[in-house]
């Protein structure tokens, strides 16, 4: 004996419902990316110039004393690195020149390390 075929009238609504619900199924989702703001202690080098700083300069020592810093014991040769921070403020850091080591270049991203003295390092 053969099974009785199911009438198409009863099958079509179920098939239509299954196809409609298939569109509601969750498919693969794209990863969400957010724009992260750079940390406040980073910046982009705008310019570099060689400077000569005298540790016995009375004006420099007066400014440092006013800022609560020890008197300058700067080397004769130094580099002034001008940096734009993420908030678009501009800071100038004077570091001792490092003979034989590559210096900073405009456009380079750097980290500003602030402690008792301020230093900058490549990011």
PDB file of N, CA and C in Angstrom:
ATOM      1  N   UNK A   1       0.824  -1.159   0.000  1.00  0.00           N
ATOM      2  CA  UNK A   1       0.000   0.000   0.000  1.00  0.00           C
ATOM      3  C   UNK A   1       0.886   1.246   0.000  1.00  0.00           C
ATOM      4  N   UNK A   2       0.557   2.230  -0.786  1.00  0.00           N
ATOM      5  CA  UNK A   2       1.326   3.463  -0.922  1.00  0.00           C
ATOM      6  C   UNK A   2       0.780   4.518   0.034  1.00  0.00           C
ATOM      7  N   UNK A   3       1.708   5.351   0.562  1.00  0.00           N
ATOM      8  CA  UNK A   3       1.231   6.420   1.444  1.00  0.00           C
ATOM      9  C   UNK A   3       0.414   7.438   0.658  1.00  0.00           C
ATOM     10  N   UNK A   4      -0.454   8.065   1.363  1.00  0.00           N
ATOM     11  CA  UNK A   4      -1.331   9.050   0.730  1.00  0.00           C
ATOM     12  C   UNK A   4      -0.565  10.364   0.575  1.00  0.00           C
ATOM     13  N   UNK A   5      -0.533  10.958  -0.596  1.00  0.00           N
ATOM     14  CA  UNK A   5       0.163  12.222  -0.782  1.00  0.00           C
ATOM     15  C   UNK A   5      -0.518  13.356  -0.009  1.00  0.00           C
ATOM     16  N   UNK A   6       0.306  14.284   0.500  1.00  0.00           N
ATOM     17  CA  UNK A   6      -0.234  15.427   1.249  1.00  0.00           C
ATOM     18  C   UNK A   6      -0.684  16.455   0.226  1.00  0.00           C
ATOM     19  N   UNK A   7      -1.861  16.990   0.415  1.00  0.00           N
ATOM     20  CA  UNK A   7      -2.352  17.983  -0.551  1.00  0.00           C
ATOM     21  C   UNK A   7      -1.457  19.233  -0.546  1.00  0.00           C
ATOM     22  N   UNK A   8      -1.228  19.823  -1.699  1.00  0.00           N
ATOM     23  CA  UNK A   8      -0.374  20.996  -1.862  1.00  0.00           C
ATOM     24  C   UNK A   8      -0.914  22.184  -1.087  1.00  0.00           C
ATOM     25  N   UNK A   9      -2.232  22.215  -0.874  1.00  0.00           N
ATOM     26  CA  UNK A   9      -2.834  23.324  -0.146  1.00  0.00           C
ATOM     27  C   UNK A   9      -2.308  23.403   1.279  1.00  0.00           C
ATOM     28  N   UNK A  10      -2.029  22.280   1.893  1.00  0.00           N
ATOM     29  CA  UNK A  10      -1.555  22.259   3.286  1.00  0.00           C
ATOM     30  C   UNK A  10      -0.039  22.484   3.337  1.00  0.00           C
ATOM     31  N   UNK A  11       0.683  22.139   2.320  1.00  0.00           N
ATOM     32  CA  UNK A  11       2.133  22.232   2.322  1.00  0.00           C
ATOM     33  C   UNK A  11       2.625  23.646   1.984  1.00  0.00           C
ATOM     34  N   UNK A  12       1.983  24.320   1.059  1.00  0.00           N
ATOM     35  CA  UNK A  12       2.428  25.641   0.613  1.00  0.00           C
ATOM     36  C   UNK A  12       2.472  26.681   1.733  1.00  0.00           C
ATOM     37  N   UNK A  13       1.481  26.767   2.617  1.00  0.00           N
ATOM     38  CA  UNK A  13       1.582  27.771   3.683  1.00  0.00           C
ATOM     39  C   UNK A  13       2.792  27.518   4.594  1.00  0.00           C
ATOM     40  N   UNK A  14       3.083  26.245   4.882  1.00  0.00           N
ATOM     41  CA  UNK A  14       4.236  25.936   5.742  1.00  0.00           C
ATOM     42  C   UNK A  14       5.541  26.274   5.046  1.00  0.00           C
ATOM     43  N   UNK A  15       5.603  25.989   3.767  1.00  0.00           N
ATOM     44  CA  UNK A  15       6.799  26.314   3.001  1.00  0.00           C
ATOM     45  C   UNK A  15       7.004  27.828   2.924  1.00  0.00           C
ATOM     46  N   UNK A  16       5.928  28.575   2.711  1.00  0.00           N
ATOM     47  CA  UNK A  16       6.010  30.037   2.644  1.00  0.00           C
ATOM     48  C   UNK A  16       6.440  30.602   3.995  1.00  0.00           C
ATOM     49  N   UNK A  17       5.934  30.062   5.086  1.00  0.00           N
ATOM     50  CA  UNK A  17       6.303  30.534   6.429  1.00  0.00           C
ATOM     51  C   UNK A  17       7.779  30.246   6.714  1.00  0.00           C
ATOM     52  N   UNK A  18       8.261  29.073   6.324  1.00  0.00           N
ATOM     53  CA  UNK A  18       9.663  28.727   6.550  1.00  0.00           C
ATOM     54  C   UNK A  18      10.588  29.662   5.770  1.00  0.00           C
ATOM     55  N   UNK A  19      10.230  29.966   4.530  1.00  0.00           N
ATOM     56  CA  UNK A  19      11.048  30.869   3.729  1.00  0.00           C
ATOM     57  C   UNK A  19      11.026  32.298   4.288  1.00  0.00           C
ATOM     58  N   UNK A  20       9.888  32.724   4.793  1.00  0.00           N
ATOM     59  CA  UNK A  20       9.783  34.075   5.357  1.00  0.00           C
ATOM     60  C   UNK A  20      10.614  34.198   6.635  1.00  0.00           C
ATOM     61  N   UNK A  21      10.590  33.165   7.460  1.00  0.00           N
ATOM     62  CA  UNK A  21      11.347  33.210   8.705  1.00  0.00           C
ATOM     63  C   UNK A  21      12.849  33.081   8.474  1.00  0.00           C
ATOM     64  N   UNK A  22      13.237  32.504   7.371  1.00  0.00           N
ATOM     65  CA  UNK A  22      14.647  32.368   7.076  1.00  0.00           C
ATOM     66  C   UNK A  22      15.309  33.749   6.945  1.00  0.00           C
ATOM     67  N   UNK A  23      14.585  34.731   6.466  1.00  0.00           N
ATOM     68  CA  UNK A  23      15.101  36.093   6.349  1.00  0.00           C
ATOM     69  C   UNK A  23      15.332  36.735   7.707  1.00  0.00           C
ATOM     70  N   UNK A  24      14.662  36.257   8.753  1.00  0.00           N
ATOM     71  CA  UNK A  24      14.821  36.806  10.091  1.00  0.00           C
ATOM     72  C   UNK A  24      16.019  36.205  10.823  1.00  0.00           C
ATOM     73  N   UNK A  25      16.532  35.113  10.307  1.00  0.00           N
ATOM     74  CA  UNK A  25      17.659  34.459  10.985  1.00  0.00           C
ATOM     75  C   UNK A  25      18.867  35.376  10.968  1.00  0.00           C
ATOM     76  N   UNK A  26      19.611  35.378  12.070  1.00  0.00           N
ATOM     77  CA  UNK A  26      20.797  36.229  12.174  1.00  0.00           C
ATOM     78  C   UNK A  26      21.912  35.666  11.310  1.00  0.00           C
ATOM     79  N   UNK A  27      22.441  36.495  10.451  1.00  0.00           N
ATOM     80  CA  UNK A  27      23.550  36.091   9.604  1.00  0.00           C
ATOM     81  C   UNK A  27      24.859  36.574  10.233  1.00  0.00           C
ATOM     82  N   UNK A  28      25.938  36.400   9.532  1.00  0.00           N
ATOM     83  CA  UNK A  28      27.217  36.870  10.077  1.00  0.00           C
ATOM     84  C   UNK A  28      27.199  38.394  10.200  1.00  0.00           C
ATOM     85  N   UNK A  29      27.757  38.884  11.293  1.00  0.00           N
ATOM     86  CA  UNK A  29      27.784  40.326  11.509  1.00  0.00           C
ATOM     87  C   UNK A  29      29.192  40.847  11.256  1.00  0.00           C
ATOM     88  N   UNK A  30      29.266  42.049  10.751  1.00  0.00           N
ATOM     89  CA  UNK A  30      30.563  42.683  10.511  1.00  0.00           C
ATOM     90  C   UNK A  30      31.112  43.185  11.841  1.00  0.00           C
ATOM     91  N   UNK A  31      32.405  43.098  12.050  1.00  0.00           N
ATOM     92  CA  UNK A  31      32.967  43.607  13.299  1.00  0.00           C
ATOM     93  C   UNK A  31      32.762  45.113  13.412  1.00  0.00           C
ATOM     94  N   UNK A  32      32.463  45.564  14.599  1.00  0.00           N
ATOM     95  CA  UNK A  32      32.235  46.979  14.846  1.00  0.00           C
ATOM     96  C   UNK A  32      33.576  47.627  15.182  1.00  0.00           C
ATOM     97  N   UNK A  33      33.906  48.668  14.448  1.00  0.00           N
ATOM     98  CA  UNK A  33      35.139  49.383  14.736  1.00  0.00           C
ATOM     99  C   UNK A  33      34.788  50.783  15.201  1.00  0.00           C
ATOM    100  N   UNK A  34      35.520  51.253  16.195  1.00  0.00           N
ATOM    101  CA  UNK A  34      35.307  52.604  16.687  1.00  0.00           C
ATOM    102  C   UNK A  34      36.603  53.379  16.534  1.00  0.00           C
ATOM    103  N   UNK A  35      36.469  54.626  16.277  1.00  0.00           N
ATOM    104  CA  UNK A  35      37.657  55.471  16.162  1.00  0.00           C
ATOM    105  C   UNK A  35      38.148  55.788  17.566  1.00  0.00           C
ATOM    106  N   UNK A  36      39.338  55.322  17.886  1.00  0.00           N
ATOM    107  CA  UNK A  36      39.897  55.577  19.202  1.00  0.00           C
ATOM    108  C   UNK A  36      40.713  56.856  19.158  1.00  0.00           C
ATOM    109  N   UNK A  37      40.539  57.653  20.203  1.00  0.00           N
ATOM    110  CA  UNK A  37      41.336  58.864  20.272  1.00  0.00           C
ATOM    111  C   UNK A  37      42.709  58.512  20.812  1.00  0.00           C
ATOM    112  N   UNK A  38      43.744  59.138  20.286  1.00  0.00           N
ATOM    113  CA  UNK A  38      45.087  58.830  20.780  1.00  0.00           C
ATOM    114  C   UNK A  38      45.251  59.299  22.218  1.00  0.00           C
ATOM    115  N   UNK A  39      46.142  58.664  22.968  1.00  0.00           N
ATOM    116  CA  UNK A  39      46.368  59.091  24.344  1.00  0.00           C
ATOM    117  C   UNK A  39      46.903  60.526  24.392  1.00  0.00           C
ATOM    118  N   UNK A  40      46.671  61.189  25.545  1.00  0.00           N
ATOM    119  CA  UNK A  40      47.105  62.576  25.700  1.00  0.00           C
ATOM    120  C   UNK A  40      48.617  62.729  25.694  1.00  0.00           C
ATOM    121  N   UNK A  41      49.344  61.650  25.959  1.00  0.00           N
ATOM    122  CA  UNK A  41      50.797  61.775  26.034  1.00  0.00           C
ATOM    123  C   UNK A  41      51.481  61.477  24.700  1.00  0.00           C
ATOM    124  N   UNK A  42      50.728  61.512  23.607  1.00  0.00           N
ATOM    125  CA  UNK A  42      51.328  61.300  22.294  1.00  0.00           C
ATOM    126  C   UNK A  42      51.268  62.596  21.497  1.00  0.00           C
ATOM    127  N   UNK A  43      51.975  62.620  20.395  1.00  0.00           N
ATOM    128  CA  UNK A  43      51.936  63.782  19.536  1.00  0.00           C
ATOM    129  C   UNK A  43      52.658  63.508  18.236  1.00  0.00           C
ATOM    130  N   UNK A  44      52.583  64.463  17.335  1.00  0.00           N
ATOM    131  CA  UNK A  44      53.237  64.358  16.036  1.00  0.00           C
ATOM    132  C   UNK A  44      54.300  65.448  15.944  1.00  0.00           C
ATOM    133  N   UNK A  45      55.492  65.050  15.556  1.00  0.00           N
ATOM    134  CA  UNK A  45      56.596  66.000  15.441  1.00  0.00           C
ATOM    135  C   UNK A  45      56.313  66.951  14.277  1.00  0.00           C
ATOM    136  N   UNK A  46      56.357  68.252  14.576  1.00  0.00           N
ATOM    137  CA  UNK A  46      56.168  69.260  13.537  1.00  0.00           C
ATOM    138  C   UNK A  46      57.502  69.752  12.993  1.00  0.00           C
ATOM    139  N   UNK A  47      58.462  69.984  13.894  1.00  0.00           N
ATOM    140  CA  UNK A  47      59.757  70.521  13.470  1.00  0.00           C
ATOM    141  C   UNK A  47      60.815  70.188  14.503  1.00  0.00           C
ATOM    142  N   UNK A  48      62.067  70.205  14.055  1.00  0.00           N
ATOM    143  CA  UNK A  48      63.222  69.957  14.926  1.00  0.00           C
ATOM    144  C   UNK A  48      64.258  71.021  14.584  1.00  0.00           C
ATOM    145  N   UNK A  49      64.902  71.537  15.619  1.00  0.00           N
ATOM    146  CA  UNK A  49      65.997  72.465  15.355  1.00  0.00           C
ATOM    147  C   UNK A  49      67.056  72.301  16.429  1.00  0.00           C
ATOM    148  N   UNK A  50      68.297  72.557  16.062  1.00  0.00           N
ATOM    149  CA  UNK A  50      69.408  72.504  16.999  1.00  0.00           C
ATOM    150  C   UNK A  50      69.436  73.802  17.795  1.00  0.00           C
ATOM    151  N   UNK A  51      69.667  73.678  19.093  1.00  0.00           N
ATOM    152  CA  UNK A  51      69.757  74.854  19.952  1.00  0.00           C
ATOM    153  C   UNK A  51      70.972  74.706  20.860  1.00  0.00           C
ATOM    154  N   UNK A  52      71.506  75.824  21.293  1.00  0.00           N
ATOM    155  CA  UNK A  52      72.572  75.840  22.284  1.00  0.00           C
ATOM    156  C   UNK A  52      71.997  76.406  23.567  1.00  0.00           C
ATOM    157  N   UNK A  53      72.086  75.645  24.622  1.00  0.00           N
ATOM    158  CA  UNK A  53      71.530  76.052  25.905  1.00  0.00           C
ATOM    159  C   UNK A  53      72.675  76.142  26.902  1.00  0.00           C
ATOM    160  N   UNK A  54      72.745  77.253  27.588  1.00  0.00           N
ATOM    161  CA  UNK A  54      73.768  77.418  28.610  1.00  0.00           C
ATOM    162  C   UNK A  54      73.134  77.180  29.967  1.00  0.00           C
ATOM    163  N   UNK A  55      73.712  76.279  30.738  1.00  0.00           N
ATOM    164  CA  UNK A  55      73.181  75.972  32.063  1.00  0.00           C
ATOM    165  C   UNK A  55      73.315  77.124  33.028  1.00  0.00           C
ATOM    166  N   UNK A  56      74.235  78.041  32.760  1.00  0.00           N
ATOM    167  CA  UNK A  56      74.434  79.158  33.670  1.00  0.00           C
ATOM    168  C   UNK A  56      73.617  80.380  33.261  1.00  0.00           C
ATOM    169  N   UNK A  57      72.743  80.233  32.282  1.00  0.00           N
ATOM    170  CA  UNK A  57      71.925  81.336  31.819  1.00  0.00           C
ATOM    171  C   UNK A  57      70.966  81.753  32.922  1.00  0.00           C
ATOM    172  N   UNK A  58      71.089  82.989  33.407  1.00  0.00           N
ATOM    173  CA  UNK A  58      70.288  83.473  34.536  1.00  0.00           C
ATOM    174  C   UNK A  58      68.795  83.492  34.196  1.00  0.00           C
ATOM    175  N   UNK A  59      68.452  83.889  32.964  1.00  0.00           N
ATOM    176  CA  UNK A  59      67.036  83.961  32.582  1.00  0.00           C
ATOM    177  C   UNK A  59      66.404  82.570  32.574  1.00  0.00           C
ATOM    178  N   UNK A  60      67.127  81.585  32.028  1.00  0.00           N
ATOM    179  CA  UNK A  60      66.619  80.211  31.993  1.00  0.00           C
ATOM    180  C   UNK A  60      66.439  79.690  33.415  1.00  0.00           C
ATOM    181  N   UNK A  61      67.431  79.912  34.252  1.00  0.00           N
ATOM    182  CA  UNK A  61      67.339  79.427  35.636  1.00  0.00           C
ATOM    183  C   UNK A  61      66.212  80.114  36.402  1.00  0.00           C
ATOM    184  N   UNK A  62      65.950  81.401  36.133  1.00  0.00           N
ATOM    185  CA  UNK A  62      64.848  82.105  36.806  1.00  0.00           C
ATOM    186  C   UNK A  62      63.507  81.502  36.389  1.00  0.00           C
ATOM    187  N   UNK A  63      63.353  81.222  35.104  1.00  0.00           N
ATOM    188  CA  UNK A  63      62.100  80.606  34.623  1.00  0.00           C
ATOM    189  C   UNK A  63      61.918  79.225  35.248  1.00  0.00           C
ATOM    190  N   UNK A  64      62.994  78.443  35.274  1.00  0.00           N
ATOM    191  CA  UNK A  64      62.898  77.105  35.852  1.00  0.00           C
ATOM    192  C   UNK A  64      62.566  77.171  37.337  1.00  0.00           C
ATOM    193  N   UNK A  65      63.158  78.104  38.060  1.00  0.00           N
ATOM    194  CA  UNK A  65      62.870  78.264  39.482  1.00  0.00           C
ATOM    195  C   UNK A  65      61.409  78.659  39.682  1.00  0.00           C
ATOM    196  N   UNK A  66      60.898  79.554  38.857  1.00  0.00           N
ATOM    197  CA  UNK A  66      59.498  79.963  38.932  1.00  0.00           C
ATOM    198  C   UNK A  66      58.570  78.776  38.701  1.00  0.00           C
ATOM    199  N   UNK A  67      58.967  77.875  37.817  1.00  0.00           N
ATOM    200  CA  UNK A  67      58.153  76.685  37.521  1.00  0.00           C
ATOM    201  C   UNK A  67      58.378  75.565  38.533  1.00  0.00           C
ATOM    202  N   UNK A  68      59.252  75.808  39.516  1.00  0.00           N
ATOM    203  CA  UNK A  68      59.508  74.791  40.531  1.00  0.00           C
ATOM    204  C   UNK A  68      60.427  73.686  40.061  1.00  0.00           C
ATOM    205  N   UNK A  69      61.259  73.987  39.057  1.00  0.00           N
ATOM    206  CA  UNK A  69      62.175  72.999  38.507  1.00  0.00           C
ATOM    207  C   UNK A  69      63.595  73.299  38.964  1.00  0.00           C
ATOM    208  N   UNK A  70      64.460  72.286  39.014  1.00  0.00           N
ATOM    209  CA  UNK A  70      65.856  72.548  39.383  1.00  0.00           C
ATOM    210  C   UNK A  70      66.548  73.372  38.299  1.00  0.00           C
ATOM    211  N   UNK A  71      67.640  74.054  38.643  1.00  0.00           N
ATOM    212  CA  UNK A  71      68.381  74.847  37.645  1.00  0.00           C
ATOM    213  C   UNK A  71      68.831  73.974  36.478  1.00  0.00           C
ATOM    214  N   UNK A  72      68.961  74.618  35.339  1.00  0.00           N
ATOM    215  CA  UNK A  72      69.329  73.896  34.115  1.00  0.00           C
ATOM    216  C   UNK A  72      70.771  73.436  34.163  1.00  0.00           C
ATOM    217  N   UNK A  73      70.962  72.183  33.881  1.00  0.00           N
ATOM    218  CA  UNK A  73      72.295  71.617  33.692  1.00  0.00           C
ATOM    219  C   UNK A  73      72.332  71.021  32.298  1.00  0.00           C
ATOM    220  N   UNK A  74      71.928  71.828  31.356  1.00  0.00           N
ATOM    221  CA  UNK A  74      71.781  71.347  29.985  1.00  0.00           C
ATOM    222  C   UNK A  74      73.132  71.230  29.307  1.00  0.00           C
ATOM    223  N   UNK A  75      73.253  70.301  28.389  1.00  0.00           N
ATOM    224  CA  UNK A  75      74.489  70.215  27.604  1.00  0.00           C
ATOM    225  C   UNK A  75      74.581  71.408  26.671  1.00  0.00           C
ATOM    226  N   UNK A  76      75.737  71.587  26.106  1.00  0.00           N
ATOM    227  CA  UNK A  76      75.930  72.702  25.185  1.00  0.00           C
ATOM    228  C   UNK A  76      75.078  72.547  23.939  1.00  0.00           C
ATOM    229  N   UNK A  77      74.912  71.323  23.458  1.00  0.00           N
ATOM    230  CA  UNK A  77      74.162  71.070  22.233  1.00  0.00           C
ATOM    231  C   UNK A  77      72.882  70.310  22.577  1.00  0.00           C
ATOM    232  N   UNK A  78      71.787  70.786  22.033  1.00  0.00           N
ATOM    233  CA  UNK A  78      70.497  70.140  22.298  1.00  0.00           C
ATOM    234  C   UNK A  78      69.611  70.284  21.065  1.00  0.00           C
ATOM    235  N   UNK A  79      68.501  69.558  21.077  1.00  0.00           N
ATOM    236  CA  UNK A  79      67.506  69.645  20.004  1.00  0.00           C
ATOM    237  C   UNK A  79      66.195  70.121  20.592  1.00  0.00           C
ATOM    238  N   UNK A  80      65.575  71.065  19.918  1.00  0.00           N
ATOM    239  CA  UNK A  80      64.225  71.474  20.284  1.00  0.00           C
ATOM    240  C   UNK A  80      63.277  70.741  19.341  1.00  0.00           C
ATOM    241  N   UNK A  81      62.359  69.972  19.914  1.00  0.00           N
ATOM    242  CA  UNK A  81      61.391  69.212  19.123  1.00  0.00           C
ATOM    243  C   UNK A  81      60.022  69.833  19.379  1.00  0.00           C
ATOM    244  N   UNK A  82      59.384  70.316  18.330  1.00  0.00           N
ATOM    245  CA  UNK A  82      58.072  70.933  18.440  1.00  0.00           C
ATOM    246  C   UNK A  82      57.039  69.882  18.062  1.00  0.00           C
ATOM    247  N   UNK A  83      56.068  69.669  18.967  1.00  0.00           N
ATOM    248  CA  UNK A  83      55.123  68.552  18.852  1.00  0.00           C
ATOM    249  C   UNK A  83      53.691  69.070  18.922  1.00  0.00           C
ATOM    250  N   UNK A  84      52.835  68.546  18.038  1.00  0.00           N
ATOM    251  CA  UNK A  84      51.395  68.836  18.108  1.00  0.00           C
ATOM    252  C   UNK A  84      50.721  67.663  18.804  1.00  0.00           C
ATOM    253  N   UNK A  85      49.996  67.969  19.874  1.00  0.00           N
ATOM    254  CA  UNK A  85      49.301  66.941  20.649  1.00  0.00           C
ATOM    255  C   UNK A  85      47.931  66.657  20.030  1.00  0.00           C
ATOM    256  N   UNK A  86      47.253  65.567  20.454  1.00  0.00           N
ATOM    257  CA  UNK A  86      45.949  65.214  19.871  1.00  0.00           C
ATOM    258  C   UNK A  86      44.887  66.311  20.022  1.00  0.00           C
ATOM    259  N   UNK A  87      45.009  67.151  21.076  1.00  0.00           N
ATOM    260  CA  UNK A  87      44.035  68.228  21.256  1.00  0.00           C
ATOM    261  C   UNK A  87      44.420  69.481  20.455  1.00  0.00           C
ATOM    262  N   UNK A  88      45.410  69.351  19.575  1.00  0.00           N
ATOM    263  CA  UNK A  88      45.911  70.387  18.672  1.00  0.00           C
ATOM    264  C   UNK A  88      46.736  71.457  19.376  1.00  0.00           C
ATOM    265  N   UNK A  89      47.058  71.276  20.669  1.00  0.00           N
ATOM    266  CA  UNK A  89      47.985  72.186  21.324  1.00  0.00           C
ATOM    267  C   UNK A  89      49.394  71.840  20.856  1.00  0.00           C
ATOM    268  N   UNK A  90      50.289  72.802  20.951  1.00  0.00           N
ATOM    269  CA  UNK A  90      51.668  72.605  20.493  1.00  0.00           C
ATOM    270  C   UNK A  90      52.594  72.763  21.688  1.00  0.00           C
ATOM    271  N   UNK A  91      53.521  71.816  21.847  1.00  0.00           N
ATOM    272  CA  UNK A  91      54.504  71.877  22.924  1.00  0.00           C
ATOM    273  C   UNK A  91      55.902  71.801  22.321  1.00  0.00           C
ATOM    274  N   UNK A  92      56.842  72.351  23.067  1.00  0.00           N
ATOM    275  CA  UNK A  92      58.239  72.336  22.653  1.00  0.00           C
ATOM    276  C   UNK A  92      59.031  71.634  23.744  1.00  0.00           C
ATOM    277  N   UNK A  93      59.818  70.634  23.359  1.00  0.00           N
ATOM    278  CA  UNK A  93      60.643  69.886  24.303  1.00  0.00           C
ATOM    279  C   UNK A  93      62.091  70.003  23.837  1.00  0.00           C
ATOM    280  N   UNK A  94      62.962  70.380  24.773  1.00  0.00           N
ATOM    281  CA  UNK A  94      64.391  70.460  24.461  1.00  0.00           C
ATOM    282  C   UNK A  94      65.063  69.259  25.094  1.00  0.00           C
ATOM    283  N   UNK A  95      65.736  68.477  24.248  1.00  0.00           N
ATOM    284  CA  UNK A  95      66.427  67.273  24.708  1.00  0.00           C
ATOM    285  C   UNK A  95      67.904  67.364  24.348  1.00  0.00           C
ATOM    286  N   UNK A  96      68.762  66.749  25.144  1.00  0.00           N
ATOM    287  CA  UNK A  96      70.183  66.711  24.783  1.00  0.00           C
ATOM    288  C   UNK A  96      70.370  66.031  23.429  1.00  0.00           C
ATOM    289  N   UNK A  97      71.260  66.566  22.628  1.00  0.00           N
ATOM    290  CA  UNK A  97      71.556  65.946  21.336  1.00  0.00           C
ATOM    291  C   UNK A  97      72.258  64.616  21.585  1.00  0.00           C
ATOM    292  N   UNK A  98      71.886  63.604  20.846  1.00  0.00           N
ATOM    293  CA  UNK A  98      72.478  62.271  20.969  1.00  0.00           C
ATOM    294  C   UNK A  98      73.319  62.003  19.738  1.00  0.00           C
ATOM    295  N   UNK A  99      74.631  62.296  19.805  1.00  0.00           N
ATOM    296  CA  UNK A  99      75.473  62.071  18.627  1.00  0.00           C
ATOM    297  C   UNK A  99      75.466  60.601  18.208  1.00  0.00           C
ATOM    298  N   UNK A 100      75.387  60.378  16.925  1.00  0.00           N
ATOM    299  CA  UNK A 100      75.427  59.019  16.403  1.00  0.00           C
ATOM    300  C   UNK A 100      74.084  58.311  16.415  1.00  0.00           C
ATOM    301  N   UNK A 101      73.059  58.903  17.006  1.00  0.00           N
ATOM    302  CA  UNK A 101      71.732  58.285  17.017  1.00  0.00           C
ATOM    303  C   UNK A 101      70.827  59.071  16.082  1.00  0.00           C
ATOM    304  N   UNK A 102      69.920  58.360  15.394  1.00  0.00           N
ATOM    305  CA  UNK A 102      69.020  59.090  14.499  1.00  0.00           C
ATOM    306  C   UNK A 102      68.095  59.979  15.309  1.00  0.00           C
ATOM    307  N   UNK A 103      67.864  61.176  14.809  1.00  0.00           N
ATOM    308  CA  UNK A 103      66.980  62.106  15.490  1.00  0.00           C
ATOM    309  C   UNK A 103      65.535  61.886  15.068  1.00  0.00           C
ATOM    310  N   UNK A 104      64.693  62.762  15.542  1.00  0.00           N
ATOM    311  CA  UNK A 104      63.285  62.702  15.167  1.00  0.00           C
ATOM    312  C   UNK A 104      63.102  63.350  13.805  1.00  0.00           C
ATOM    313  N   UNK A 105      62.027  62.970  13.113  1.00  0.00           N
ATOM    314  CA  UNK A 105      61.731  63.543  11.803  1.00  0.00           C
ATOM    315  C   UNK A 105      60.315  64.100  11.828  1.00  0.00           C
ATOM    316  N   UNK A 106      60.057  65.191  11.107  1.00  0.00           N
ATOM    317  CA  UNK A 106      58.701  65.735  11.051  1.00  0.00           C
ATOM    318  C   UNK A 106      57.707  64.673  10.571  1.00  0.00           C
ATOM    319  N   UNK A 107      56.562  64.621  11.224  1.00  0.00           N
ATOM    320  CA  UNK A 107      55.522  63.647  10.898  1.00  0.00           C
ATOM    321  C   UNK A 107      55.580  62.403  11.759  1.00  0.00           C
ATOM    322  N   UNK A 108      56.681  62.203  12.481  1.00  0.00           N
ATOM    323  CA  UNK A 108      56.824  61.020  13.331  1.00  0.00           C
ATOM    324  C   UNK A 108      55.931  61.149  14.561  1.00  0.00           C
ATOM    325  N   UNK A 109      55.291  60.043  14.944  1.00  0.00           N
ATOM    326  CA  UNK A 109      54.480  60.015  16.157  1.00  0.00           C
ATOM    327  C   UNK A 109      55.369  59.659  17.326  1.00  0.00           C
ATOM    328  N   UNK A 110      55.264  60.457  18.395  1.00  0.00           N
ATOM    329  CA  UNK A 110      56.120  60.263  19.560  1.00  0.00           C
ATOM    330  C   UNK A 110      55.269  60.189  20.827  1.00  0.00           C
ATOM    331  N   UNK A 111      55.873  59.631  21.869  1.00  0.00           N
ATOM    332  CA  UNK A 111      55.261  59.595  23.194  1.00  0.00           C
ATOM    333  C   UNK A 111      56.004  60.591  24.057  1.00  0.00           C
ATOM    334  N   UNK A 112      55.267  61.426  24.770  1.00  0.00           N
ATOM    335  CA  UNK A 112      55.865  62.408  25.659  1.00  0.00           C
ATOM    336  C   UNK A 112      55.872  61.808  27.058  1.00  0.00           C
ATOM    337  N   UNK A 113      57.058  61.590  27.602  1.00  0.00           N
ATOM    338  CA  UNK A 113      57.217  60.983  28.915  1.00  0.00           C
ATOM    339  C   UNK A 113      57.513  62.109  29.902  1.00  0.00           C
ATOM    340  N   UNK A 114      56.564  62.375  30.795  1.00  0.00           N
ATOM    341  CA  UNK A 114      56.740  63.464  31.757  1.00  0.00           C
ATOM    342  C   UNK A 114      56.943  62.886  33.149  1.00  0.00           C
ATOM    343  N   UNK A 115      58.043  63.272  33.772  1.00  0.00           N
ATOM    344  CA  UNK A 115      58.322  62.927  35.171  1.00  0.00           C
ATOM    345  C   UNK A 115      58.999  64.153  35.762  1.00  0.00           C
ATOM    346  N   UNK A 116      60.077  63.987  36.499  1.00  0.00           N
ATOM    347  CA  UNK A 116      60.780  65.172  36.981  1.00  0.00           C
ATOM    348  C   UNK A 116      61.400  65.927  35.819  1.00  0.00           C
ATOM    349  N   UNK A 117      61.708  65.225  34.748  1.00  0.00           N
ATOM    350  CA  UNK A 117      62.140  65.853  33.502  1.00  0.00           C
ATOM    351  C   UNK A 117      61.250  65.312  32.397  1.00  0.00           C
ATOM    352  N   UNK A 118      61.118  66.041  31.338  1.00  0.00           N
ATOM    353  CA  UNK A 118      60.278  65.607  30.211  1.00  0.00           C
ATOM    354  C   UNK A 118      61.180  65.034  29.133  1.00  0.00           C
ATOM    355  N   UNK A 119      60.764  63.922  28.568  1.00  0.00           N
ATOM    356  CA  UNK A 119      61.504  63.299  27.475  1.00  0.00           C
ATOM    357  C   UNK A 119      60.508  62.841  26.419  1.00  0.00           C
ATOM    358  N   UNK A 120      60.985  62.656  25.215  1.00  0.00           N
ATOM    359  CA  UNK A 120      60.126  62.115  24.152  1.00  0.00           C
ATOM    360  C   UNK A 120      60.781  60.886  23.574  1.00  0.00           C
ATOM    361  N   UNK A 121      59.951  59.942  23.174  1.00  0.00           N
ATOM    362  CA  UNK A 121      60.407  58.673  22.622  1.00  0.00           C
ATOM    363  C   UNK A 121      59.553  58.348  21.395  1.00  0.00           C
ATOM    364  N   UNK A 122      60.138  57.647  20.419  1.00  0.00           N
ATOM    365  CA  UNK A 122      59.312  57.193  19.282  1.00  0.00           C
ATOM    366  C   UNK A 122      58.202  56.293  19.780  1.00  0.00           C
ATOM    367  N   UNK A 123      57.065  56.353  19.118  1.00  0.00           N
ATOM    368  CA  UNK A 123      55.933  55.510  19.528  1.00  0.00           C
ATOM    369  C   UNK A 123      56.103  54.111  19.002  1.00  0.00           C
TER     370      UNK A 123
END
